[in-house]
Amino acid sequence: MQYSYNKQEKLKSRKFIKELFENGQTLSVYPLRLVYLKKEHDGLYALKMSVSVSKRNFKLAVSRNRIKRVMREVYRLNKHYLYNNLEHKYVFMFIYLGRKEVEYQLLDSKMKALSKLFINKIKNN
C-alpha cells in the first residue's frame, strides 16, 4: 500500500458531505469525531476522507490549517489499517473537537484508537 493521499481519496462533493451529515453515524475519541457513511462512489479507493476544524474554536486560519495538515498526515500514515479491514466503500469526515492544539503523537494515538473503534463497529454489524 502506498502512503499517499491523492485527489481520488479526498471527499469534496457537496452532495456526499450533505448526505454524510444527514445520514451518517458518529464515533468519538476526544479530541476527534468521525462521521462516516457506507456509500458507493466512483472513486478508485474504498475511502473518501475529509477533515474539519471549527472556526469557533480556532479563530486564526493558520491554526486551523496546521491542525488539518497534521490530521491528514496522521491519516495518510495509518490508513493501511482501515484499508486492510474494509469490505465496502465509505465516506469519512474527521472533525477536530478540541479547543487547544495538541501534539502530533497524541493526535496519532487518538486517530488510531478511533480507527480501531470504527473497524470493530463495522465488523459487529
N, C-alpha and C. Protein backbone atom coordinates (compact mmCIF):
# COMPACT_ATOMS: atom_id res chain seq x y z
N MET A 1 0.84 -1.19 0.00
CA MET A 1 0.00 0.00 0.00
C MET A 1 0.88 1.24 0.00
N GLN A 2 0.49 2.18 -0.83
CA GLN A 2 1.22 3.44 -0.89
C GLN A 2 0.75 4.37 0.22
N TYR A 3 1.70 5.09 0.77
CA TYR A 3 1.37 6.08 1.80
C TYR A 3 1.18 7.43 1.14
N SER A 4 0.11 7.54 0.38
CA SER A 4 -0.19 8.79 -0.29
C SER A 4 -1.62 9.20 0.07
N TYR A 5 -1.92 10.44 -0.20
CA TYR A 5 -3.28 10.95 -0.01
C TYR A 5 -3.57 11.81 -1.23
N ASN A 6 -4.02 11.17 -2.29
CA ASN A 6 -4.17 11.89 -3.54
C ASN A 6 -5.60 12.35 -3.78
N LYS A 7 -5.81 12.95 -4.92
CA LYS A 7 -7.08 13.60 -5.24
C LYS A 7 -8.28 12.65 -5.21
N GLN A 8 -8.09 11.40 -5.62
CA GLN A 8 -9.20 10.45 -5.65
C GLN A 8 -9.66 10.05 -4.25
N GLU A 9 -8.85 10.27 -3.24
CA GLU A 9 -9.21 9.91 -1.87
C GLU A 9 -9.88 11.05 -1.12
N LYS A 10 -9.88 12.24 -1.68
CA LYS A 10 -10.41 13.40 -0.97
C LYS A 10 -11.91 13.52 -1.17
N LEU A 11 -12.59 13.79 -0.09
CA LEU A 11 -14.04 13.99 -0.13
C LEU A 11 -14.29 15.47 -0.39
N LYS A 12 -14.80 15.78 -1.57
CA LYS A 12 -15.03 17.17 -1.93
C LYS A 12 -16.46 17.44 -2.38
N SER A 13 -17.19 16.41 -2.70
CA SER A 13 -18.53 16.56 -3.24
C SER A 13 -19.49 17.11 -2.18
N ARG A 14 -20.11 18.22 -2.47
CA ARG A 14 -21.08 18.82 -1.54
C ARG A 14 -22.26 17.87 -1.30
N LYS A 15 -22.62 17.15 -2.33
CA LYS A 15 -23.72 16.19 -2.23
C LYS A 15 -23.38 15.09 -1.23
N PHE A 16 -22.18 14.54 -1.33
CA PHE A 16 -21.75 13.49 -0.39
C PHE A 16 -21.62 14.03 1.03
N ILE A 17 -21.09 15.25 1.17
CA ILE A 17 -20.91 15.83 2.50
C ILE A 17 -22.27 16.08 3.15
N LYS A 18 -23.22 16.59 2.38
CA LYS A 18 -24.56 16.83 2.91
C LYS A 18 -25.20 15.52 3.34
N GLU A 19 -25.09 14.50 2.52
CA GLU A 19 -25.65 13.19 2.85
C GLU A 19 -24.94 12.58 4.05
N LEU A 20 -23.65 12.81 4.15
CA LEU A 20 -22.86 12.30 5.28
C LEU A 20 -23.38 12.86 6.60
N PHE A 21 -23.65 14.16 6.65
CA PHE A 21 -24.13 14.76 7.89
C PHE A 21 -25.60 14.47 8.16
N GLU A 22 -26.38 14.19 7.12
CA GLU A 22 -27.79 13.85 7.33
C GLU A 22 -27.98 12.40 7.76
N ASN A 23 -27.23 11.48 7.16
CA ASN A 23 -27.46 10.05 7.39
C ASN A 23 -26.31 9.32 8.04
N GLY A 24 -25.20 10.00 8.26
CA GLY A 24 -24.01 9.34 8.76
C GLY A 24 -24.08 9.00 10.24
N GLN A 25 -23.20 8.10 10.65
CA GLN A 25 -23.07 7.72 12.05
C GLN A 25 -21.79 8.32 12.58
N THR A 26 -21.71 8.48 13.91
CA THR A 26 -20.54 9.12 14.50
C THR A 26 -19.89 8.24 15.56
N LEU A 27 -18.60 8.43 15.68
CA LEU A 27 -17.80 7.84 16.74
C LEU A 27 -16.87 8.94 17.25
N SER A 28 -16.56 8.93 18.53
CA SER A 28 -15.70 9.96 19.08
C SER A 28 -14.63 9.37 19.99
N VAL A 29 -13.45 9.90 19.86
CA VAL A 29 -12.36 9.72 20.80
C VAL A 29 -11.74 11.10 20.91
N TYR A 30 -12.00 11.76 22.04
CA TYR A 30 -11.60 13.16 22.18
C TYR A 30 -10.12 13.32 21.91
N PRO A 31 -9.72 14.27 21.10
CA PRO A 31 -10.42 15.42 20.52
C PRO A 31 -10.90 15.22 19.09
N LEU A 32 -11.16 13.98 18.68
CA LEU A 32 -11.61 13.72 17.31
C LEU A 32 -12.99 13.10 17.28
N ARG A 33 -13.74 13.43 16.25
CA ARG A 33 -15.01 12.77 15.97
C ARG A 33 -14.95 12.29 14.53
N LEU A 34 -15.44 11.08 14.33
CA LEU A 34 -15.50 10.50 12.99
C LEU A 34 -16.96 10.41 12.58
N VAL A 35 -17.30 11.02 11.47
CA VAL A 35 -18.63 10.88 10.87
C VAL A 35 -18.42 10.03 9.63
N TYR A 36 -19.14 8.92 9.55
CA TYR A 36 -18.94 8.01 8.42
C TYR A 36 -20.27 7.54 7.86
N LEU A 37 -20.22 7.14 6.60
CA LEU A 37 -21.40 6.66 5.92
C LEU A 37 -20.97 5.63 4.89
N LYS A 38 -21.62 4.49 4.90
CA LYS A 38 -21.37 3.46 3.89
C LYS A 38 -22.02 3.96 2.61
N LYS A 39 -21.20 4.25 1.61
CA LYS A 39 -21.71 4.89 0.40
C LYS A 39 -20.90 4.45 -0.80
N GLU A 40 -21.57 3.96 -1.81
CA GLU A 40 -20.90 3.62 -3.05
C GLU A 40 -20.53 4.91 -3.78
N HIS A 41 -19.31 4.96 -4.25
CA HIS A 41 -18.85 6.10 -5.04
C HIS A 41 -17.97 5.59 -6.16
N ASP A 42 -17.70 6.45 -7.10
CA ASP A 42 -16.96 6.00 -8.28
C ASP A 42 -15.45 6.17 -8.13
N GLY A 43 -14.98 6.44 -6.92
CA GLY A 43 -13.55 6.60 -6.69
C GLY A 43 -12.80 5.28 -6.80
N LEU A 44 -11.50 5.39 -6.99
CA LEU A 44 -10.66 4.21 -7.11
C LEU A 44 -10.41 3.54 -5.76
N TYR A 45 -10.55 4.31 -4.70
CA TYR A 45 -10.22 3.83 -3.36
C TYR A 45 -11.48 3.56 -2.54
N ALA A 46 -11.34 2.77 -1.49
CA ALA A 46 -12.50 2.40 -0.67
C ALA A 46 -12.98 3.55 0.21
N LEU A 47 -12.12 4.51 0.48
CA LEU A 47 -12.48 5.63 1.34
C LEU A 47 -12.35 6.95 0.61
N LYS A 48 -13.28 7.84 0.91
CA LYS A 48 -13.13 9.24 0.56
C LYS A 48 -13.17 9.97 1.90
N MET A 49 -12.13 10.76 2.19
CA MET A 49 -11.98 11.33 3.52
C MET A 49 -11.74 12.83 3.44
N SER A 50 -12.22 13.51 4.48
CA SER A 50 -12.01 14.93 4.63
C SER A 50 -11.79 15.24 6.10
N VAL A 51 -11.24 16.41 6.38
CA VAL A 51 -11.03 16.85 7.77
C VAL A 51 -11.67 18.22 7.96
N SER A 52 -12.01 18.51 9.22
CA SER A 52 -12.64 19.78 9.53
C SER A 52 -12.21 20.26 10.91
N VAL A 53 -11.98 21.58 11.01
CA VAL A 53 -11.65 22.21 12.29
C VAL A 53 -12.55 23.44 12.42
N SER A 54 -13.18 23.58 13.57
CA SER A 54 -14.15 24.63 13.78
C SER A 54 -13.51 26.02 13.85
N LYS A 55 -14.11 26.95 13.14
CA LYS A 55 -13.67 28.34 13.19
C LYS A 55 -14.01 28.97 14.54
N ARG A 56 -15.02 28.43 15.19
CA ARG A 56 -15.41 28.93 16.51
C ARG A 56 -14.30 28.67 17.54
N ASN A 57 -13.65 27.52 17.44
CA ASN A 57 -12.61 27.16 18.40
C ASN A 57 -11.24 27.71 18.04
N PHE A 58 -10.97 27.91 16.76
CA PHE A 58 -9.69 28.42 16.30
C PHE A 58 -9.94 29.57 15.34
N LYS A 59 -9.81 30.78 15.85
CA LYS A 59 -10.11 31.98 15.06
C LYS A 59 -9.12 32.18 13.92
N LEU A 60 -7.85 31.86 14.16
CA LEU A 60 -6.83 32.10 13.15
C LEU A 60 -6.77 30.95 12.15
N ALA A 61 -6.80 31.31 10.86
CA ALA A 61 -6.74 30.30 9.81
C ALA A 61 -5.44 29.51 9.87
N VAL A 62 -4.38 30.14 10.33
CA VAL A 62 -3.09 29.47 10.44
C VAL A 62 -3.20 28.26 11.39
N SER A 63 -3.89 28.44 12.49
CA SER A 63 -4.06 27.36 13.47
C SER A 63 -4.94 26.25 12.90
N ARG A 64 -6.05 26.62 12.27
CA ARG A 64 -6.94 25.62 11.67
C ARG A 64 -6.22 24.81 10.61
N ASN A 65 -5.47 25.50 9.75
CA ASN A 65 -4.78 24.82 8.66
C ASN A 65 -3.69 23.89 9.17
N ARG A 66 -3.00 24.27 10.23
CA ARG A 66 -1.97 23.40 10.78
C ARG A 66 -2.59 22.12 11.34
N ILE A 67 -3.69 22.25 12.07
CA ILE A 67 -4.35 21.07 12.63
C ILE A 67 -4.84 20.16 11.52
N LYS A 68 -5.43 20.75 10.48
CA LYS A 68 -5.91 19.94 9.36
C LYS A 68 -4.76 19.24 8.65
N ARG A 69 -3.65 19.92 8.50
CA ARG A 69 -2.48 19.34 7.84
C ARG A 69 -1.95 18.15 8.65
N VAL A 70 -1.89 18.31 9.97
CA VAL A 70 -1.41 17.22 10.83
C VAL A 70 -2.40 16.05 10.80
N MET A 71 -3.70 16.33 10.81
CA MET A 71 -4.71 15.27 10.76
C MET A 71 -4.60 14.48 9.45
N ARG A 72 -4.41 15.17 8.34
CA ARG A 72 -4.25 14.48 7.06
C ARG A 72 -2.99 13.63 7.04
N GLU A 73 -1.92 14.12 7.64
CA GLU A 73 -0.68 13.37 7.70
C GLU A 73 -0.82 12.11 8.56
N VAL A 74 -1.48 12.24 9.69
CA VAL A 74 -1.71 11.08 10.56
C VAL A 74 -2.58 10.05 9.83
N TYR A 75 -3.61 10.51 9.15
CA TYR A 75 -4.45 9.60 8.38
C TYR A 75 -3.64 8.90 7.29
N ARG A 76 -2.83 9.66 6.57
CA ARG A 76 -2.05 9.12 5.47
C ARG A 76 -1.13 8.00 5.94
N LEU A 77 -0.54 8.16 7.11
CA LEU A 77 0.40 7.15 7.62
C LEU A 77 -0.29 5.95 8.25
N ASN A 78 -1.57 6.08 8.61
CA ASN A 78 -2.27 5.00 9.29
C ASN A 78 -3.44 4.42 8.51
N LYS A 79 -3.65 4.86 7.29
CA LYS A 79 -4.82 4.41 6.54
C LYS A 79 -4.74 2.94 6.14
N HIS A 80 -3.55 2.36 6.13
CA HIS A 80 -3.41 0.95 5.76
C HIS A 80 -4.23 0.06 6.70
N TYR A 81 -4.33 0.45 7.96
CA TYR A 81 -5.13 -0.33 8.91
C TYR A 81 -6.60 -0.34 8.48
N LEU A 82 -7.12 0.80 8.06
CA LEU A 82 -8.51 0.88 7.61
C LEU A 82 -8.70 0.10 6.32
N TYR A 83 -7.84 0.32 5.35
CA TYR A 83 -8.00 -0.33 4.05
C TYR A 83 -7.92 -1.84 4.15
N ASN A 84 -7.10 -2.35 5.04
CA ASN A 84 -6.96 -3.80 5.17
C ASN A 84 -8.18 -4.46 5.80
N ASN A 85 -9.05 -3.67 6.44
CA ASN A 85 -10.21 -4.23 7.13
C ASN A 85 -11.55 -3.82 6.53
N LEU A 86 -11.55 -3.16 5.39
CA LEU A 86 -12.80 -2.72 4.78
C LEU A 86 -13.25 -3.67 3.68
N GLU A 87 -14.56 -3.85 3.61
CA GLU A 87 -15.14 -4.66 2.54
C GLU A 87 -16.01 -3.82 1.61
N HIS A 88 -16.45 -2.66 2.09
CA HIS A 88 -17.33 -1.78 1.32
C HIS A 88 -16.70 -0.40 1.21
N LYS A 89 -17.32 0.46 0.42
CA LYS A 89 -16.84 1.83 0.27
C LYS A 89 -17.52 2.74 1.28
N TYR A 90 -16.75 3.69 1.80
CA TYR A 90 -17.23 4.63 2.82
C TYR A 90 -16.80 6.04 2.48
N VAL A 91 -17.55 6.99 3.02
CA VAL A 91 -17.12 8.39 3.05
C VAL A 91 -16.92 8.76 4.52
N PHE A 92 -15.85 9.49 4.80
CA PHE A 92 -15.42 9.83 6.16
C PHE A 92 -15.27 11.33 6.29
N MET A 93 -15.46 11.81 7.51
CA MET A 93 -15.00 13.14 7.86
C MET A 93 -14.51 13.09 9.29
N PHE A 94 -13.26 13.49 9.48
CA PHE A 94 -12.70 13.63 10.81
C PHE A 94 -12.87 15.07 11.23
N ILE A 95 -13.49 15.28 12.40
CA ILE A 95 -13.74 16.62 12.91
C ILE A 95 -12.93 16.79 14.19
N TYR A 96 -12.20 17.89 14.27
CA TYR A 96 -11.40 18.18 15.46
C TYR A 96 -12.29 18.93 16.45
N LEU A 97 -12.46 18.38 17.65
CA LEU A 97 -13.36 18.94 18.64
C LEU A 97 -12.66 19.80 19.69
N GLY A 98 -11.38 19.62 19.86
CA GLY A 98 -10.65 20.30 20.93
C GLY A 98 -10.61 21.81 20.76
N ARG A 99 -10.32 22.47 21.86
CA ARG A 99 -10.19 23.93 21.84
C ARG A 99 -8.74 24.38 21.85
N LYS A 100 -7.84 23.42 22.06
CA LYS A 100 -6.41 23.71 22.04
C LYS A 100 -5.73 22.74 21.09
N GLU A 101 -4.64 23.22 20.51
CA GLU A 101 -3.86 22.39 19.61
C GLU A 101 -3.12 21.32 20.41
N VAL A 102 -3.13 20.09 19.93
CA VAL A 102 -2.45 19.00 20.62
C VAL A 102 -1.23 18.56 19.81
N GLU A 103 -0.37 17.81 20.46
CA GLU A 103 0.85 17.33 19.81
C GLU A 103 0.52 16.24 18.79
N TYR A 104 1.44 16.08 17.87
CA TYR A 104 1.31 15.09 16.81
C TYR A 104 1.10 13.69 17.38
N GLN A 105 1.90 13.31 18.39
CA GLN A 105 1.84 11.96 18.95
C GLN A 105 0.48 11.66 19.56
N LEU A 106 -0.11 12.65 20.24
CA LEU A 106 -1.43 12.45 20.83
C LEU A 106 -2.49 12.30 19.73
N LEU A 107 -2.41 13.13 18.72
CA LEU A 107 -3.35 13.04 17.61
C LEU A 107 -3.21 11.70 16.89
N ASP A 108 -1.99 11.23 16.75
CA ASP A 108 -1.72 9.94 16.12
C ASP A 108 -2.37 8.81 16.92
N SER A 109 -2.18 8.81 18.23
CA SER A 109 -2.75 7.74 19.06
C SER A 109 -4.27 7.80 19.08
N LYS A 110 -4.83 8.99 19.08
CA LYS A 110 -6.29 9.13 19.10
C LYS A 110 -6.90 8.69 17.77
N MET A 111 -6.24 9.00 16.66
CA MET A 111 -6.78 8.58 15.37
C MET A 111 -6.68 7.06 15.21
N LYS A 112 -5.62 6.46 15.73
CA LYS A 112 -5.51 5.00 15.71
C LYS A 112 -6.62 4.37 16.54
N ALA A 113 -6.89 4.94 17.72
CA ALA A 113 -7.97 4.42 18.57
C ALA A 113 -9.32 4.56 17.89
N LEU A 114 -9.53 5.68 17.23
CA LEU A 114 -10.79 5.92 16.52
C LEU A 114 -10.94 4.95 15.34
N SER A 115 -9.86 4.68 14.66
CA SER A 115 -9.90 3.73 13.54
C SER A 115 -10.23 2.33 14.03
N LYS A 116 -9.63 1.93 15.14
CA LYS A 116 -9.91 0.61 15.72
C LYS A 116 -11.36 0.51 16.16
N LEU A 117 -11.88 1.58 16.75
CA LEU A 117 -13.28 1.62 17.17
C LEU A 117 -14.20 1.49 15.97
N PHE A 118 -13.87 2.16 14.87
CA PHE A 118 -14.66 2.09 13.65
C PHE A 118 -14.65 0.67 13.08
N ILE A 119 -13.47 0.07 12.99
CA ILE A 119 -13.36 -1.29 12.45
C ILE A 119 -14.16 -2.27 13.30
N ASN A 120 -14.06 -2.15 14.62
CA ASN A 120 -14.84 -3.03 15.50
C ASN A 120 -16.33 -2.84 15.30
N LYS A 121 -16.75 -1.60 15.11
CA LYS A 121 -18.17 -1.32 14.93
C LYS A 121 -18.70 -1.91 13.63
N ILE A 122 -17.97 -1.77 12.54
CA ILE A 122 -18.47 -2.31 11.27
C ILE A 122 -18.36 -3.83 11.22
N LYS A 123 -17.41 -4.41 11.92
CA LYS A 123 -17.29 -5.88 11.96
C LYS A 123 -18.44 -6.49 12.74
N ASN A 124 -18.93 -5.79 13.76
CA ASN A 124 -20.01 -6.31 14.60
C ASN A 124 -21.40 -6.11 13.98
N ASN A 125 -21.49 -5.24 12.98
CA ASN A 125 -22.81 -5.01 12.35
C ASN A 125 -23.00 -5.88 11.14
